[in-house]
Amino acid sequence: MLIVLVVFYILGSVLKGTLDSFERQNAEKAKEQELEAEAASEENADSIEGEEKKSEQ
């Protein structure tokens, strides 16, 4: 019985580690996408300001 408990504990630990690594990867991807979205919105804001300055002249 003790052996079965130890085996399941090891399997559970391995599974938890695998799922945690997937979660970390997803969090990193989400952070990268957020940074890309911020950069794109800043570029759009800069281009809008440039167009406004051109139209004023």
PDB file of N, CA and C in Angstrom:
ATOM      1  N   MET A   1       0.825  -1.196   0.000  1.00  0.00           N
ATOM      2  CA  MET A   1       0.000   0.000   0.000  1.00  0.00           C
ATOM      3  C   MET A   1       0.873   1.267   0.000  1.00  0.00           C
ATOM      4  N   LEU A   2       1.924   1.236   0.796  1.00  0.00           N
ATOM      5  CA  LEU A   2       2.828   2.385   0.865  1.00  0.00           C
ATOM      6  C   LEU A   2       3.478   2.650  -0.498  1.00  0.00           C
ATOM      7  N   ILE A   3       3.831   1.579  -1.195  1.00  0.00           N
ATOM      8  CA  ILE A   3       4.464   1.721  -2.514  1.00  0.00           C
ATOM      9  C   ILE A   3       3.498   2.405  -3.482  1.00  0.00           C
ATOM     10  N   VAL A   4       2.234   2.024  -3.455  1.00  0.00           N
ATOM     11  CA  VAL A   4       1.229   2.629  -4.330  1.00  0.00           C
ATOM     12  C   VAL A   4       1.095   4.120  -4.021  1.00  0.00           C
ATOM     13  N   LEU A   5       1.068   4.471  -2.750  1.00  0.00           N
ATOM     14  CA  LEU A   5       0.982   5.881  -2.366  1.00  0.00           C
ATOM     15  C   LEU A   5       2.180   6.673  -2.875  1.00  0.00           C
ATOM     16  N   VAL A   6       3.362   6.113  -2.761  1.00  0.00           N
ATOM     17  CA  VAL A   6       4.580   6.789  -3.215  1.00  0.00           C
ATOM     18  C   VAL A   6       4.560   6.951  -4.738  1.00  0.00           C
ATOM     19  N   VAL A   7       4.137   5.915  -5.435  1.00  0.00           N
ATOM     20  CA  VAL A   7       4.077   5.980  -6.900  1.00  0.00           C
ATOM     21  C   VAL A   7       3.099   7.070  -7.337  1.00  0.00           C
ATOM     22  N   PHE A   8       1.928   7.117  -6.731  1.00  0.00           N
ATOM     23  CA  PHE A   8       0.955   8.143  -7.099  1.00  0.00           C
ATOM     24  C   PHE A   8       1.446   9.538  -6.731  1.00  0.00           C
ATOM     25  N   TYR A   9       2.164   9.658  -5.632  1.00  0.00           N
ATOM     26  CA  TYR A   9       2.731  10.955  -5.250  1.00  0.00           C
ATOM     27  C   TYR A   9       3.733  11.419  -6.309  1.00  0.00           C
ATOM     28  N   ILE A  10       4.584  10.516  -6.760  1.00  0.00           N
ATOM     29  CA  ILE A  10       5.582  10.862  -7.785  1.00  0.00           C
ATOM     30  C   ILE A  10       4.888  11.235  -9.088  1.00  0.00           C
ATOM     31  N   LEU A  11       3.903  10.441  -9.509  1.00  0.00           N
ATOM     32  CA  LEU A  11       3.175  10.751 -10.744  1.00  0.00           C
ATOM     33  C   LEU A  11       2.457  12.098 -10.637  1.00  0.00           C
ATOM     34  N   GLY A  12       1.863  12.373  -9.494  1.00  0.00           N
ATOM     35  CA  GLY A  12       1.188  13.654  -9.294  1.00  0.00           C
ATOM     36  C   GLY A  12       2.158  14.818  -9.339  1.00  0.00           C
ATOM     37  N   SER A  13       3.331  14.641  -8.768  1.00  0.00           N
ATOM     38  CA  SER A  13       4.348  15.704  -8.782  1.00  0.00           C
ATOM     39  C   SER A  13       4.837  15.982 -10.205  1.00  0.00           C
ATOM     40  N   VAL A  14       5.048  14.927 -10.964  1.00  0.00           N
ATOM     41  CA  VAL A  14       5.479  15.094 -12.355  1.00  0.00           C
ATOM     42  C   VAL A  14       4.394  15.802 -13.156  1.00  0.00           C
ATOM     43  N   LEU A  15       3.159  15.391 -12.986  1.00  0.00           N
ATOM     44  CA  LEU A  15       2.046  16.008 -13.709  1.00  0.00           C
ATOM     45  C   LEU A  15       1.891  17.478 -13.322  1.00  0.00           C
ATOM     46  N   LYS A  16       2.011  17.777 -12.036  1.00  0.00           N
ATOM     47  CA  LYS A  16       1.902  19.162 -11.578  1.00  0.00           C
ATOM     48  C   LYS A  16       3.025  20.011 -12.177  1.00  0.00           C
ATOM     49  N   GLY A  17       4.237  19.494 -12.200  1.00  0.00           N
ATOM     50  CA  GLY A  17       5.358  20.219 -12.792  1.00  0.00           C
ATOM     51  C   GLY A  17       5.134  20.492 -14.271  1.00  0.00           C
ATOM     52  N   THR A  18       4.611  19.517 -14.994  1.00  0.00           N
ATOM     53  CA  THR A  18       4.334  19.683 -16.418  1.00  0.00           C
ATOM     54  C   THR A  18       3.274  20.759 -16.641  1.00  0.00           C
ATOM     55  N   LEU A  19       2.200  20.697 -15.871  1.00  0.00           N
ATOM     56  CA  LEU A  19       1.130  21.690 -16.024  1.00  0.00           C
ATOM     57  C   LEU A  19       1.612  23.086 -15.631  1.00  0.00           C
ATOM     58  N   ASP A  20       2.444  23.183 -14.612  1.00  0.00           N
ATOM     59  CA  ASP A  20       2.992  24.482 -14.218  1.00  0.00           C
ATOM     60  C   ASP A  20       3.874  25.072 -15.317  1.00  0.00           C
ATOM     61  N   SER A  21       4.650  24.219 -15.993  1.00  0.00           N
ATOM     62  CA  SER A  21       5.501  24.725 -17.066  1.00  0.00           C
ATOM     63  C   SER A  21       4.648  25.228 -18.241  1.00  0.00           C
ATOM     64  N   PHE A  22       3.550  24.531 -18.544  1.00  0.00           N
ATOM     65  CA  PHE A  22       2.643  25.003 -19.589  1.00  0.00           C
ATOM     66  C   PHE A  22       2.033  26.350 -19.202  1.00  0.00           C
ATOM     67  N   GLU A  23       1.668  26.487 -17.946  1.00  0.00           N
ATOM     68  CA  GLU A  23       1.076  27.740 -17.458  1.00  0.00           C
ATOM     69  C   GLU A  23       2.087  28.892 -17.577  1.00  0.00           C
ATOM     70  N   ARG A  24       3.346  28.615 -17.236  1.00  0.00           N
ATOM     71  CA  ARG A  24       4.385  29.646 -17.360  1.00  0.00           C
ATOM     72  C   ARG A  24       4.566  30.074 -18.817  1.00  0.00           C
ATOM     73  N   GLN A  25       4.577  29.104 -19.723  1.00  0.00           N
ATOM     74  CA  GLN A  25       4.728  29.409 -21.143  1.00  0.00           C
ATOM     75  C   GLN A  25       3.567  30.253 -21.639  1.00  0.00           C
ATOM     76  N   ASN A  26       2.354  29.916 -21.228  1.00  0.00           N
ATOM     77  CA  ASN A  26       1.183  30.692 -21.642  1.00  0.00           C
ATOM     78  C   ASN A  26       1.240  32.107 -21.090  1.00  0.00           C
ATOM     79  N   ALA A  27       1.705  32.257 -19.872  1.00  0.00           N
ATOM     80  CA  ALA A  27       1.818  33.588 -19.270  1.00  0.00           C
ATOM     81  C   ALA A  27       2.860  34.430 -20.015  1.00  0.00           C
ATOM     82  N   GLU A  28       3.974  33.812 -20.402  1.00  0.00           N
ATOM     83  CA  GLU A  28       4.997  34.533 -21.157  1.00  0.00           C
ATOM     84  C   GLU A  28       4.466  34.973 -22.521  1.00  0.00           C
ATOM     85  N   LYS A  29       3.739  34.096 -23.195  1.00  0.00           N
ATOM     86  CA  LYS A  29       3.169  34.443 -24.494  1.00  0.00           C
ATOM     87  C   LYS A  29       2.163  35.583 -24.363  1.00  0.00           C
ATOM     88  N   ALA A  30       1.353  35.534 -23.331  1.00  0.00           N
ATOM     89  CA  ALA A  30       0.365  36.590 -23.112  1.00  0.00           C
ATOM     90  C   ALA A  30       1.065  37.922 -22.845  1.00  0.00           C
ATOM     91  N   LYS A  31       2.140  37.887 -22.095  1.00  0.00           N
ATOM     92  CA  LYS A  31       2.884  39.109 -21.798  1.00  0.00           C
ATOM     93  C   LYS A  31       3.517  39.671 -23.071  1.00  0.00           C
ATOM     94  N   GLU A  32       4.079  38.794 -23.912  1.00  0.00           N
ATOM     95  CA  GLU A  32       4.660  39.235 -25.182  1.00  0.00           C
ATOM     96  C   GLU A  32       3.590  39.864 -26.077  1.00  0.00           C
ATOM     97  N   GLN A  33       2.424  39.247 -26.142  1.00  0.00           N
ATOM     98  CA  GLN A  33       1.350  39.779 -26.972  1.00  0.00           C
ATOM     99  C   GLN A  33       0.886  41.128 -26.447  1.00  0.00           C
ATOM    100  N   GLU A  34       0.859  41.281 -25.141  1.00  0.00           N
ATOM    101  CA  GLU A  34       0.460  42.553 -24.543  1.00  0.00           C
ATOM    102  C   GLU A  34       1.465  43.644 -24.891  1.00  0.00           C
ATOM    103  N   LEU A  35       2.754  43.306 -24.838  1.00  0.00           N
ATOM    104  CA  LEU A  35       3.782  44.279 -25.187  1.00  0.00           C
ATOM    105  C   LEU A  35       3.700  44.659 -26.666  1.00  0.00           C
ATOM    106  N   GLU A  36       3.440  43.675 -27.520  1.00  0.00           N
ATOM    107  CA  GLU A  36       3.297  43.952 -28.949  1.00  0.00           C
ATOM    108  C   GLU A  36       2.088  44.846 -29.205  1.00  0.00           C
ATOM    109  N   ALA A  37       1.005  44.601 -28.492  1.00  0.00           N
ATOM    110  CA  ALA A  37      -0.200  45.420 -28.660  1.00  0.00           C
ATOM    111  C   ALA A  37       0.066  46.853 -28.206  1.00  0.00           C
ATOM    112  N   GLU A  38       0.807  47.014 -27.109  1.00  0.00           N
ATOM    113  CA  GLU A  38       1.143  48.355 -26.638  1.00  0.00           C
ATOM    114  C   GLU A  38       2.020  49.078 -27.653  1.00  0.00           C
ATOM    115  N   ALA A  39       2.989  48.365 -28.215  1.00  0.00           N
ATOM    116  CA  ALA A  39       3.876  48.964 -29.201  1.00  0.00           C
ATOM    117  C   ALA A  39       3.087  49.383 -30.444  1.00  0.00           C
ATOM    118  N   ALA A  40       2.156  48.529 -30.856  1.00  0.00           N
ATOM    119  CA  ALA A  40       1.344  48.844 -32.037  1.00  0.00           C
ATOM    120  C   ALA A  40       0.457  50.050 -31.766  1.00  0.00           C
ATOM    121  N   SER A  41      -0.099  50.135 -30.575  1.00  0.00           N
ATOM    122  CA  SER A  41      -0.967  51.275 -30.268  1.00  0.00           C
ATOM    123  C   SER A  41      -0.156  52.561 -30.174  1.00  0.00           C
ATOM    124  N   GLU A  42       1.081  52.468 -29.685  1.00  0.00           N
ATOM    125  CA  GLU A  42       1.940  53.654 -29.644  1.00  0.00           C
ATOM    126  C   GLU A  42       2.292  54.105 -31.058  1.00  0.00           C
ATOM    127  N   GLU A  43       2.563  53.136 -31.948  1.00  0.00           N
ATOM    128  CA  GLU A  43       2.871  53.481 -33.337  1.00  0.00           C
ATOM    129  C   GLU A  43       1.667  54.144 -33.992  1.00  0.00           C
ATOM    130  N   ASN A  44       0.479  53.627 -33.718  1.00  0.00           N
ATOM    131  CA  ASN A  44      -0.731  54.224 -34.283  1.00  0.00           C
ATOM    132  C   ASN A  44      -0.931  55.633 -33.752  1.00  0.00           C
ATOM    133  N   ALA A  45      -0.674  55.834 -32.471  1.00  0.00           N
ATOM    134  CA  ALA A  45      -0.823  57.163 -31.881  1.00  0.00           C
ATOM    135  C   ALA A  45       0.185  58.128 -32.503  1.00  0.00           C
ATOM    136  N   ASP A  46       1.412  57.665 -32.724  1.00  0.00           N
ATOM    137  CA  ASP A  46       2.431  58.511 -33.343  1.00  0.00           C
ATOM    138  C   ASP A  46       2.050  58.868 -34.777  1.00  0.00           C
ATOM    139  N   SER A  47       1.522  57.904 -35.520  1.00  0.00           N
ATOM    140  CA  SER A  47       1.155  58.183 -36.906  1.00  0.00           C
ATOM    141  C   SER A  47      -0.042  59.126 -36.969  1.00  0.00           C
ATOM    142  N   ILE A  48      -0.965  59.014 -36.031  1.00  0.00           N
ATOM    143  CA  ILE A  48      -2.123  59.917 -35.991  1.00  0.00           C
ATOM    144  C   ILE A  48      -1.661  61.338 -35.689  1.00  0.00           C
ATOM    145  N   GLU A  49      -0.727  61.477 -34.749  1.00  0.00           N
ATOM    146  CA  GLU A  49      -0.206  62.802 -34.422  1.00  0.00           C
ATOM    147  C   GLU A  49       0.512  63.397 -35.635  1.00  0.00           C
ATOM    148  N   GLY A  50       1.251  62.558 -36.354  1.00  0.00           N
ATOM    149  CA  GLY A  50       1.945  63.031 -37.547  1.00  0.00           C
ATOM    150  C   GLY A  50       0.972  63.487 -38.618  1.00  0.00           C
ATOM    151  N   GLU A  51      -0.118  62.773 -38.799  1.00  0.00           N
ATOM    152  CA  GLU A  51      -1.121  63.152 -39.791  1.00  0.00           C
ATOM    153  C   GLU A  51      -1.810  64.450 -39.379  1.00  0.00           C
ATOM    154  N   GLU A  52      -2.050  64.638 -38.080  1.00  0.00           N
ATOM    155  CA  GLU A  52      -2.681  65.860 -37.615  1.00  0.00           C
ATOM    156  C   GLU A  52      -1.771  67.054 -37.865  1.00  0.00           C
ATOM    157  N   LYS A  53      -0.489  66.874 -37.647  1.00  0.00           N
ATOM    158  CA  LYS A  53       0.450  67.977 -37.882  1.00  0.00           C
ATOM    159  C   LYS A  53       0.516  68.328 -39.366  1.00  0.00           C
ATOM    160  N   LYS A  54       0.463  67.319 -40.226  1.00  0.00           N
ATOM    161  CA  LYS A  54       0.496  67.555 -41.658  1.00  0.00           C
ATOM    162  C   LYS A  54      -0.755  68.288 -42.115  1.00  0.00           C
ATOM    163  N   SER A  55      -1.894  67.915 -41.567  1.00  0.00           N
ATOM    164  CA  SER A  55      -3.155  68.550 -41.983  1.00  0.00           C
ATOM    165  C   SER A  55      -3.245  69.992 -41.487  1.00  0.00           C
ATOM    166  N   GLU A  56      -2.556  70.300 -40.382  1.00  0.00           N
ATOM    167  CA  GLU A  56      -2.567  71.672 -39.862  1.00  0.00           C
ATOM    168  C   GLU A  56      -1.755  72.602 -40.744  1.00  0.00           C
ATOM    169  N   GLN A  57      -0.762  72.061 -41.423  1.00  0.00           N
ATOM    170  CA  GLN A  57       0.127  72.897 -42.233  1.00  0.00           C
ATOM    171  C   GLN A  57      -0.496  73.205 -43.529  1.00  0.00           C
TER     172      GLN A  57
END
